[in-house]
Amino acid sequence: MTMRAHVSTPGLAHRTEGTRDIHRALPEEVPVALVFNGTTQAVMMATPVDLADFALGFALTEGIITDPAQVEEFEMVDHANGIETRFWLSDDRAQALAKRRRTMAGPVGCGLCGIDSLEQALRSVPHVMTDLRLSASDVARATDGLRNHQSLHDLTRATHAAGFLLPGSGVVLAREDVGRHNALDKLIGAIVKQGIDPTQGAAVMTSRLSVELVQKCALAGIPALIAVSAPTGAAVRLAEEAGITLAAFARGGGFDLFSHPQRINDEAADVA
């Protein structure tokens, strides 16, 4: 199947002045099967671009692998009704995966579909260790900087983005998807593939901050998470436990800090 990020779709626009024919650019979503050593681990609906990044990020943030070197072979296979991303893992990871095998069928934005216990929903995560320091200006500008990387959103007004911010450099890398979890997995995969040290920057999100996003950052080693919207209470508690700085409501030159504020230099946020 053709991998297109968006499609032009006809419709009817109803306005106070009347009705007219329109064409809108709408984001695409397709089923993406994540297959490990011949067994499907998950099927997620995703925007069909940067899928190699998505697959690698998913494998890392789900704990299927802990290092890209554990992937012995990878390929993507197009089908009439979706796309398969196929991994062949080293023997030790294949054996570890067999012990925790589960099947997930995830709709857009779902980060916990298919788990088989309450304990898995609030799984423990590593404590992120870093010497990262961010200025208040870095954080205040973060979501504005991410907007410059949202070409698919500019076309469709319907996608999330995740970006990686480096102190003093702004957002240096970003990925988009109809699902916020997918966007973050794509970003994490891209960070790893490009050899960027995840402990030296912050993830920036266009969405609210949920437990699943904090879990993914912790497993990837990203010590700070910045978003335009609010965190959940559970996300704040997990971020505190995992050593992750949460900055929310980052817009209009300000932001709120909810955990590990020591990483933010406490000067006024100069956004001029």
C-alpha atoms as a PDB file:
ATOM      1  CA  MET A   1       0.000   0.000   0.000  1.00  0.00           C
ATOM      2  CA  THR A   2       1.156   3.576  -0.622  1.00  0.00           C
ATOM      3  CA  MET A   3       2.542   5.159   2.530  1.00  0.00           C
ATOM      4  CA  ARG A   4       1.075   8.652   2.552  1.00  0.00           C
ATOM      5  CA  ALA A   5       0.944  10.887   5.592  1.00  0.00           C
ATOM      6  CA  HIS A   6      -2.200  12.644   4.392  1.00  0.00           C
ATOM      7  CA  VAL A   7      -4.909  12.413   1.760  1.00  0.00           C
ATOM      8  CA  SER A   8      -7.048  15.054   0.047  1.00  0.00           C
ATOM      9  CA  THR A   9     -10.688  14.265   0.821  1.00  0.00           C
ATOM     10  CA  PRO A  10     -13.854  15.881  -0.568  1.00  0.00           C
ATOM     11  CA  GLY A  11     -16.594  17.147   1.712  1.00  0.00           C
ATOM     12  CA  LEU A  12     -19.273  19.774   2.175  1.00  0.00           C
ATOM     13  CA  ALA A  13     -18.664  22.909   4.232  1.00  0.00           C
ATOM     14  CA  HIS A  14     -21.781  24.213   5.991  1.00  0.00           C
ATOM     15  CA  ARG A  15     -21.514  27.865   7.024  1.00  0.00           C
ATOM     16  CA  THR A  16     -23.945  30.624   7.884  1.00  0.00           C
ATOM     17  CA  GLU A  17     -23.615  31.958   4.339  1.00  0.00           C
ATOM     18  CA  GLY A  18     -24.434  28.588   2.778  1.00  0.00           C
ATOM     19  CA  THR A  19     -22.935  25.259   1.690  1.00  0.00           C
ATOM     20  CA  ARG A  20     -19.989  24.672  -0.636  1.00  0.00           C
ATOM     21  CA  ASP A  21     -17.834  21.817  -1.886  1.00  0.00           C
ATOM     22  CA  ILE A  22     -14.412  21.495  -0.282  1.00  0.00           C
ATOM     23  CA  HIS A  23     -11.311  19.325  -0.271  1.00  0.00           C
ATOM     24  CA  ARG A  24      -9.458  18.884   3.006  1.00  0.00           C
ATOM     25  CA  ALA A  25      -6.035  17.413   3.723  1.00  0.00           C
ATOM     26  CA  LEU A  26      -6.672  14.739   6.333  1.00  0.00           C
ATOM     27  CA  PRO A  27      -4.027  12.688   8.151  1.00  0.00           C
ATOM     28  CA  GLU A  28      -3.865   9.020   7.240  1.00  0.00           C
ATOM     29  CA  GLU A  29      -3.838   6.161   9.720  1.00  0.00           C
ATOM     30  CA  VAL A  30      -3.165   2.527   8.964  1.00  0.00           C
ATOM     31  CA  PRO A  31      -2.797  -0.645  11.046  1.00  0.00           C
ATOM     32  CA  VAL A  32       0.860  -1.230  11.851  1.00  0.00           C
ATOM     33  CA  ALA A  33       1.738  -4.692  13.151  1.00  0.00           C
ATOM     34  CA  LEU A  34       4.839  -4.928  15.321  1.00  0.00           C
ATOM     35  CA  VAL A  35       6.142  -8.446  14.808  1.00  0.00           C
ATOM     36  CA  PHE A  36       8.993  -9.988  16.777  1.00  0.00           C
ATOM     37  CA  ASN A  37      10.536 -13.299  15.710  1.00  0.00           C
ATOM     38  CA  GLY A  38       7.402 -14.164  13.752  1.00  0.00           C
ATOM     39  CA  THR A  39       4.837 -13.321  16.440  1.00  0.00           C
ATOM     40  CA  THR A  40       2.730 -10.165  16.468  1.00  0.00           C
ATOM     41  CA  GLN A  41       3.223  -8.260  19.705  1.00  0.00           C
ATOM     42  CA  ALA A  42       0.971  -5.311  18.904  1.00  0.00           C
ATOM     43  CA  VAL A  43      -1.174  -3.761  16.204  1.00  0.00           C
ATOM     44  CA  MET A  44      -1.372   0.008  16.431  1.00  0.00           C
ATOM     45  CA  MET A  45      -3.108   2.581  14.259  1.00  0.00           C
ATOM     46  CA  ALA A  46      -0.458   5.061  13.137  1.00  0.00           C
ATOM     47  CA  THR A  47       0.355   7.668  10.513  1.00  0.00           C
ATOM     48  CA  PRO A  48       2.386   5.759   7.894  1.00  0.00           C
ATOM     49  CA  VAL A  49       5.585   7.822   7.922  1.00  0.00           C
ATOM     50  CA  ASP A  50       8.746   7.356  10.004  1.00  0.00           C
ATOM     51  CA  LEU A  51       7.577   3.831  10.801  1.00  0.00           C
ATOM     52  CA  ALA A  52      11.085   2.466  11.267  1.00  0.00           C
ATOM     53  CA  ASP A  53      11.562   5.098  13.980  1.00  0.00           C
ATOM     54  CA  PHE A  54       8.173   4.157  15.443  1.00  0.00           C
ATOM     55  CA  ALA A  55       8.954   0.449  15.527  1.00  0.00           C
ATOM     56  CA  LEU A  56      12.334   0.946  17.181  1.00  0.00           C
ATOM     57  CA  GLY A  57      10.945   3.417  19.713  1.00  0.00           C
ATOM     58  CA  PHE A  58       8.092   1.042  20.540  1.00  0.00           C
ATOM     59  CA  ALA A  59      10.481  -1.871  21.020  1.00  0.00           C
ATOM     60  CA  LEU A  60      12.577   0.196  23.419  1.00  0.00           C
ATOM     61  CA  THR A  61       9.769   1.813  25.414  1.00  0.00           C
ATOM     62  CA  GLU A  62       7.913  -1.482  25.782  1.00  0.00           C
ATOM     63  CA  GLY A  63      11.069  -3.104  27.128  1.00  0.00           C
ATOM     64  CA  ILE A  64      11.180  -5.652  24.307  1.00  0.00           C
ATOM     65  CA  ILE A  65      14.773  -4.597  23.694  1.00  0.00           C
ATOM     66  CA  THR A  66      17.141  -2.542  25.832  1.00  0.00           C
ATOM     67  CA  ASP A  67      19.664  -1.795  23.098  1.00  0.00           C
ATOM     68  CA  PRO A  68      19.310  -1.495  19.299  1.00  0.00           C
ATOM     69  CA  ALA A  69      22.161  -4.001  18.971  1.00  0.00           C
ATOM     70  CA  GLN A  70      19.712  -6.694  20.129  1.00  0.00           C
ATOM     71  CA  VAL A  71      17.918  -6.371  16.774  1.00  0.00           C
ATOM     72  CA  GLU A  72      19.598  -8.770  14.375  1.00  0.00           C
ATOM     73  CA  GLU A  73      17.376  -7.962  11.397  1.00  0.00           C
ATOM     74  CA  PHE A  74      14.518  -5.578  10.593  1.00  0.00           C
ATOM     75  CA  GLU A  75      12.210  -5.118   7.618  1.00  0.00           C
ATOM     76  CA  MET A  76       8.902  -3.495   6.743  1.00  0.00           C
ATOM     77  CA  VAL A  77       6.371  -5.313   4.584  1.00  0.00           C
ATOM     78  CA  ASP A  78       3.400  -3.600   2.927  1.00  0.00           C
ATOM     79  CA  HIS A  79       0.071  -5.447   2.744  1.00  0.00           C
ATOM     80  CA  ALA A  80      -3.237  -4.459   1.195  1.00  0.00           C
ATOM     81  CA  ASN A  81      -4.711  -3.728   4.622  1.00  0.00           C
ATOM     82  CA  GLY A  82      -1.712  -2.512   6.614  1.00  0.00           C
ATOM     83  CA  ILE A  83       2.015  -2.645   7.262  1.00  0.00           C
ATOM     84  CA  GLU A  84       4.142  -5.139   9.151  1.00  0.00           C
ATOM     85  CA  THR A  85       7.345  -4.116  10.895  1.00  0.00           C
ATOM     86  CA  ARG A  86       9.329  -7.318  11.402  1.00  0.00           C
ATOM     87  CA  PHE A  87      12.105  -7.732  13.954  1.00  0.00           C
ATOM     88  CA  TRP A  88      14.412 -10.681  14.480  1.00  0.00           C
ATOM     89  CA  LEU A  89      15.931 -10.460  17.946  1.00  0.00           C
ATOM     90  CA  SER A  90      18.992 -11.928  19.599  1.00  0.00           C
ATOM     91  CA  ASP A  91      18.339 -15.191  21.432  1.00  0.00           C
ATOM     92  CA  ASP A  92      18.383 -13.661  24.917  1.00  0.00           C
ATOM     93  CA  ARG A  93      15.781 -11.020  24.024  1.00  0.00           C
ATOM     94  CA  ALA A  94      13.632 -13.521  22.161  1.00  0.00           C
ATOM     95  CA  GLN A  95      13.587 -15.720  25.270  1.00  0.00           C
ATOM     96  CA  ALA A  96      12.769 -12.766  27.526  1.00  0.00           C
ATOM     97  CA  LEU A  97       9.933 -11.750  25.225  1.00  0.00           C
ATOM     98  CA  ALA A  98       8.506 -15.261  25.184  1.00  0.00           C
ATOM     99  CA  LYS A  99       8.156 -15.088  28.976  1.00  0.00           C
ATOM    100  CA  ARG A 100       6.045 -11.941  28.852  1.00  0.00           C
ATOM    101  CA  ARG A 101       4.208 -12.521  25.578  1.00  0.00           C
ATOM    102  CA  ARG A 102       1.018 -10.578  25.150  1.00  0.00           C
ATOM    103  CA  THR A 103      -1.140  -9.531  22.228  1.00  0.00           C
ATOM    104  CA  MET A 104      -2.214  -5.919  21.942  1.00  0.00           C
ATOM    105  CA  ALA A 105      -4.751  -4.336  19.593  1.00  0.00           C
ATOM    106  CA  GLY A 106      -4.350  -0.622  20.077  1.00  0.00           C
ATOM    107  CA  PRO A 107      -6.575   2.161  18.756  1.00  0.00           C
ATOM    108  CA  VAL A 108      -5.111   5.603  18.146  1.00  0.00           C
ATOM    109  CA  GLY A 109      -3.542   7.136  21.233  1.00  0.00           C
ATOM    110  CA  CYS A 110      -3.773   3.979  23.321  1.00  0.00           C
ATOM    111  CA  GLY A 111      -0.748   3.325  25.472  1.00  0.00           C
ATOM    112  CA  LEU A 112      -1.956   0.483  27.696  1.00  0.00           C
ATOM    113  CA  CYS A 113      -4.092  -1.709  25.461  1.00  0.00           C
ATOM    114  CA  GLY A 114      -3.640  -5.432  25.853  1.00  0.00           C
ATOM    115  CA  ILE A 115      -1.931  -5.555  29.238  1.00  0.00           C
ATOM    116  CA  ASP A 116      -3.068  -8.427  31.413  1.00  0.00           C
ATOM    117  CA  SER A 117      -2.701  -7.091  34.963  1.00  0.00           C
ATOM    118  CA  LEU A 118      -3.139  -3.899  36.968  1.00  0.00           C
ATOM    119  CA  GLU A 119       0.525  -4.115  37.939  1.00  0.00           C
ATOM    120  CA  GLN A 120       1.562  -3.773  34.294  1.00  0.00           C
ATOM    121  CA  ALA A 121      -0.437  -0.540  33.978  1.00  0.00           C
ATOM    122  CA  LEU A 122       1.703   1.112  36.656  1.00  0.00           C
ATOM    123  CA  ARG A 123       4.937  -0.738  35.948  1.00  0.00           C
ATOM    124  CA  SER A 124       8.087   0.372  37.689  1.00  0.00           C
ATOM    125  CA  VAL A 125      10.508   2.351  35.568  1.00  0.00           C
ATOM    126  CA  PRO A 126      14.205   3.192  35.901  1.00  0.00           C
ATOM    127  CA  HIS A 127      15.313   6.342  37.702  1.00  0.00           C
ATOM    128  CA  VAL A 128      16.762   8.736  35.120  1.00  0.00           C
ATOM    129  CA  MET A 129      20.230  10.022  35.994  1.00  0.00           C
ATOM    130  CA  THR A 130      21.536  13.142  34.264  1.00  0.00           C
ATOM    131  CA  ASP A 131      23.361  16.419  34.777  1.00  0.00           C
ATOM    132  CA  LEU A 132      20.898  18.221  32.468  1.00  0.00           C
ATOM    133  CA  ARG A 133      20.078  21.841  33.237  1.00  0.00           C
ATOM    134  CA  LEU A 134      17.571  23.896  31.269  1.00  0.00           C
ATOM    135  CA  SER A 135      16.959  27.632  31.397  1.00  0.00           C
ATOM    136  CA  ALA A 136      13.483  28.942  32.006  1.00  0.00           C
ATOM    137  CA  SER A 137      13.705  30.464  28.517  1.00  0.00           C
ATOM    138  CA  ASP A 138      14.424  27.022  27.021  1.00  0.00           C
ATOM    139  CA  VAL A 139      11.241  25.671  28.588  1.00  0.00           C
ATOM    140  CA  ALA A 140       9.102  28.719  27.835  1.00  0.00           C
ATOM    141  CA  ARG A 141      10.056  28.612  24.147  1.00  0.00           C
ATOM    142  CA  ALA A 142       9.790  24.832  23.781  1.00  0.00           C
ATOM    143  CA  THR A 143       6.273  24.404  22.433  1.00  0.00           C
ATOM    144  CA  ASP A 144       6.622  27.430  20.139  1.00  0.00           C
ATOM    145  CA  GLY A 145       9.792  25.854  18.785  1.00  0.00           C
ATOM    146  CA  LEU A 146       7.977  22.573  18.212  1.00  0.00           C
ATOM    147  CA  ARG A 147       5.379  24.357  16.077  1.00  0.00           C
ATOM    148  CA  ASN A 148       8.103  25.001  13.482  1.00  0.00           C
ATOM    149  CA  HIS A 149       8.407  21.210  12.980  1.00  0.00           C
ATOM    150  CA  GLN A 150       4.699  20.418  12.526  1.00  0.00           C
ATOM    151  CA  SER A 151       4.272  20.423   8.756  1.00  0.00           C
ATOM    152  CA  LEU A 152       1.651  17.653   8.815  1.00  0.00           C
ATOM    153  CA  HIS A 153      -0.350  19.484  11.462  1.00  0.00           C
ATOM    154  CA  ASP A 154      -0.165  22.643   9.357  1.00  0.00           C
ATOM    155  CA  LEU A 155      -1.841  20.714   6.532  1.00  0.00           C
ATOM    156  CA  THR A 156      -4.394  18.759   8.534  1.00  0.00           C
ATOM    157  CA  ARG A 157      -4.831  20.367  11.974  1.00  0.00           C
ATOM    158  CA  ALA A 158      -5.199  16.842  13.302  1.00  0.00           C
ATOM    159  CA  THR A 159      -1.846  15.412  14.428  1.00  0.00           C
ATOM    160  CA  HIS A 160       0.286  15.398  17.551  1.00  0.00           C
ATOM    161  CA  ALA A 161       4.003  16.075  17.633  1.00  0.00           C
ATOM    162  CA  ALA A 162       6.893  15.120  19.889  1.00  0.00           C
ATOM    163  CA  GLY A 163      10.172  17.005  19.735  1.00  0.00           C
ATOM    164  CA  PHE A 164      13.586  16.812  21.371  1.00  0.00           C
ATOM    165  CA  LEU A 165      14.950  19.997  22.887  1.00  0.00           C
ATOM    166  CA  LEU A 166      18.644  20.600  23.585  1.00  0.00           C
ATOM    167  CA  PRO A 167      19.660  23.405  25.970  1.00  0.00           C
ATOM    168  CA  GLY A 168      20.457  26.567  24.049  1.00  0.00           C
ATOM    169  CA  SER A 169      19.610  24.960  20.686  1.00  0.00           C
ATOM    170  CA  GLY A 170      15.844  24.578  20.888  1.00  0.00           C
ATOM    171  CA  VAL A 171      13.951  21.703  19.277  1.00  0.00           C
ATOM    172  CA  VAL A 172      16.434  19.825  17.082  1.00  0.00           C
ATOM    173  CA  LEU A 173      14.328  16.808  16.095  1.00  0.00           C
ATOM    174  CA  ALA A 174      10.593  16.085  15.862  1.00  0.00           C
ATOM    175  CA  ARG A 175       8.107  13.472  14.707  1.00  0.00           C
ATOM    176  CA  GLU A 176       4.336  13.628  14.054  1.00  0.00           C
ATOM    177  CA  ASP A 177       1.500  11.116  14.251  1.00  0.00           C
ATOM    178  CA  VAL A 178      -2.232  10.943  14.809  1.00  0.00           C
ATOM    179  CA  GLY A 179      -1.439   9.332  18.176  1.00  0.00           C
ATOM    180  CA  ARG A 180       0.562  11.140  20.856  1.00  0.00           C
ATOM    181  CA  HIS A 181       2.125   7.889  22.101  1.00  0.00           C
ATOM    182  CA  ASN A 182       3.095   7.005  18.541  1.00  0.00           C
ATOM    183  CA  ALA A 183       4.678  10.433  18.036  1.00  0.00           C
ATOM    184  CA  LEU A 184       6.826   9.947  21.143  1.00  0.00           C
ATOM    185  CA  ASP A 185       7.835   6.424  20.097  1.00  0.00           C
ATOM    186  CA  LYS A 186       8.828   7.778  16.675  1.00  0.00           C
ATOM    187  CA  LEU A 187      10.888  10.499  18.339  1.00  0.00           C
ATOM    188  CA  ILE A 188      12.642   8.047  20.662  1.00  0.00           C
ATOM    189  CA  GLY A 189      13.446   5.763  17.755  1.00  0.00           C
ATOM    190  CA  ALA A 190      14.867   8.695  15.800  1.00  0.00           C
ATOM    191  CA  ILE A 191      16.961   9.863  18.771  1.00  0.00           C
ATOM    192  CA  VAL A 192      18.519   6.416  19.107  1.00  0.00           C
ATOM    193  CA  LYS A 193      19.113   5.987  15.363  1.00  0.00           C
ATOM    194  CA  GLN A 194      20.803   9.394  15.126  1.00  0.00           C
ATOM    195  CA  GLY A 195      23.069   8.725  18.086  1.00  0.00           C
ATOM    196  CA  ILE A 196      21.747  11.606  20.203  1.00  0.00           C
ATOM    197  CA  ASP A 197      22.231  11.272  23.970  1.00  0.00           C
ATOM    198  CA  PRO A 198      18.681  11.230  25.397  1.00  0.00           C
ATOM    199  CA  THR A 199      19.895  12.267  28.867  1.00  0.00           C
ATOM    200  CA  GLN A 200      20.991  15.680  27.595  1.00  0.00           C
ATOM    201  CA  GLY A 201      17.629  17.064  26.499  1.00  0.00           C
ATOM    202  CA  ALA A 202      13.890  17.187  27.009  1.00  0.00           C
ATOM    203  CA  ALA A 203      10.907  15.745  25.186  1.00  0.00           C
ATOM    204  CA  VAL A 204       8.336  18.334  24.114  1.00  0.00           C
ATOM    205  CA  MET A 205       4.720  17.274  23.499  1.00  0.00           C
ATOM    206  CA  THR A 206       1.630  18.883  21.983  1.00  0.00           C
ATOM    207  CA  SER A 207      -0.651  16.853  24.250  1.00  0.00           C
ATOM    208  CA  ARG A 208      -1.518  16.361  27.896  1.00  0.00           C
ATOM    209  CA  LEU A 209       1.022  14.398  29.923  1.00  0.00           C
ATOM    210  CA  SER A 210      -0.143  10.940  30.921  1.00  0.00           C
ATOM    211  CA  VAL A 211       1.482   8.068  32.805  1.00  0.00           C
ATOM    212  CA  GLU A 212       2.354   6.273  29.567  1.00  0.00           C
ATOM    213  CA  LEU A 213       4.354   9.228  28.243  1.00  0.00           C
ATOM    214  CA  VAL A 214       6.330   9.447  31.483  1.00  0.00           C
ATOM    215  CA  GLN A 215       6.980   5.694  31.330  1.00  0.00           C
ATOM    216  CA  LYS A 216       8.295   5.960  27.776  1.00  0.00           C
ATOM    217  CA  CYS A 217      10.623   8.849  28.670  1.00  0.00           C
ATOM    218  CA  ALA A 218      11.956   6.995  31.701  1.00  0.00           C
ATOM    219  CA  LEU A 219      12.700   3.875  29.677  1.00  0.00           C
ATOM    220  CA  ALA A 220      14.379   5.976  26.993  1.00  0.00           C
ATOM    221  CA  GLY A 221      16.431   7.912  29.563  1.00  0.00           C
ATOM    222  CA  ILE A 222      14.889  11.325  28.808  1.00  0.00           C
ATOM    223  CA  PRO A 223      15.012  13.383  32.041  1.00  0.00           C
ATOM    224  CA  ALA A 224      12.522  16.155  31.245  1.00  0.00           C
ATOM    225  CA  LEU A 225       9.093  16.299  29.641  1.00  0.00           C
ATOM    226  CA  ILE A 226       7.481  19.556  28.530  1.00  0.00           C
ATOM    227  CA  ALA A 227       3.925  19.938  27.246  1.00  0.00           C
ATOM    228  CA  VAL A 228       1.464  22.557  26.149  1.00  0.00           C
ATOM    229  CA  SER A 229      -1.300  20.979  28.254  1.00  0.00           C
ATOM    230  CA  ALA A 230      -1.759  19.509  31.746  1.00  0.00           C
ATOM    231  CA  PRO A 231      -0.318  16.407  33.383  1.00  0.00           C
ATOM    232  CA  THR A 232      -2.423  13.873  35.200  1.00  0.00           C
ATOM    233  CA  GLY A 233      -1.896  13.381  38.920  1.00  0.00           C
ATOM    234  CA  ALA A 234      -0.556   9.885  38.318  1.00  0.00           C
ATOM    235  CA  ALA A 235       1.917  11.224  35.745  1.00  0.00           C
ATOM    236  CA  VAL A 236       3.287  13.707  38.281  1.00  0.00           C
ATOM    237  CA  ARG A 237       3.710  11.006  40.932  1.00  0.00           C
ATOM    238  CA  LEU A 238       5.507   8.698  38.505  1.00  0.00           C
ATOM    239  CA  ALA A 239       7.730  11.524  37.227  1.00  0.00           C
ATOM    240  CA  GLU A 240       8.768  12.343  40.790  1.00  0.00           C
ATOM    241  CA  GLU A 241       9.633   8.694  41.388  1.00  0.00           C
ATOM    242  CA  ALA A 242      11.489   8.343  38.077  1.00  0.00           C
ATOM    243  CA  GLY A 243      13.565  11.512  38.397  1.00  0.00           C
ATOM    244  CA  ILE A 244      11.837  13.273  35.504  1.00  0.00           C
ATOM    245  CA  THR A 245      11.132  17.008  35.410  1.00  0.00           C
ATOM    246  CA  LEU A 246       7.566  17.733  34.296  1.00  0.00           C
ATOM    247  CA  ALA A 247       6.801  21.174  32.866  1.00  0.00           C
ATOM    248  CA  ALA A 248       3.212  21.712  31.749  1.00  0.00           C
ATOM    249  CA  PHE A 249       1.045  24.551  30.364  1.00  0.00           C
ATOM    250  CA  ALA A 250       4.162  25.697  28.479  1.00  0.00           C
ATOM    251  CA  ARG A 251       2.697  28.449  26.339  1.00  0.00           C
ATOM    252  CA  GLY A 252       2.422  32.218  26.228  1.00  0.00           C
ATOM    253  CA  GLY A 253       5.861  32.677  27.757  1.00  0.00           C
ATOM    254  CA  GLY A 254       5.206  30.706  30.933  1.00  0.00           C
ATOM    255  CA  PHE A 255       4.945  27.190  32.329  1.00  0.00           C
ATOM    256  CA  ASP A 256       4.185  25.256  35.505  1.00  0.00           C
ATOM    257  CA  LEU A 257       6.687  22.850  37.107  1.00  0.00           C
ATOM    258  CA  PHE A 258       5.399  19.765  38.918  1.00  0.00           C
ATOM    259  CA  SER A 259       8.440  17.581  39.627  1.00  0.00           C
ATOM    260  CA  HIS A 260      12.226  17.921  39.956  1.00  0.00           C
ATOM    261  CA  PRO A 261      12.322  21.700  39.452  1.00  0.00           C
ATOM    262  CA  GLN A 262      16.046  21.771  40.318  1.00  0.00           C
ATOM    263  CA  ARG A 263      16.879  21.168  36.642  1.00  0.00           C
ATOM    264  CA  ILE A 264      15.407  24.522  35.624  1.00  0.00           C
ATOM    265  CA  ASN A 265      17.490  27.664  36.152  1.00  0.00           C
ATOM    266  CA  ASP A 266      15.177  29.965  38.057  1.00  0.00           C
ATOM    267  CA  GLU A 267      15.540  33.119  36.021  1.00  0.00           C
ATOM    268  CA  ALA A 268      12.656  34.977  34.398  1.00  0.00           C
ATOM    269  CA  ALA A 269      11.582  33.383  31.127  1.00  0.00           C
ATOM    270  CA  ASP A 270      12.705  35.916  28.519  1.00  0.00           C
ATOM    271  CA  VAL A 271      10.780  35.100  25.337  1.00  0.00           C
ATOM    272  CA  ALA A 272      11.354  38.355  23.505  1.00  0.00           C
END
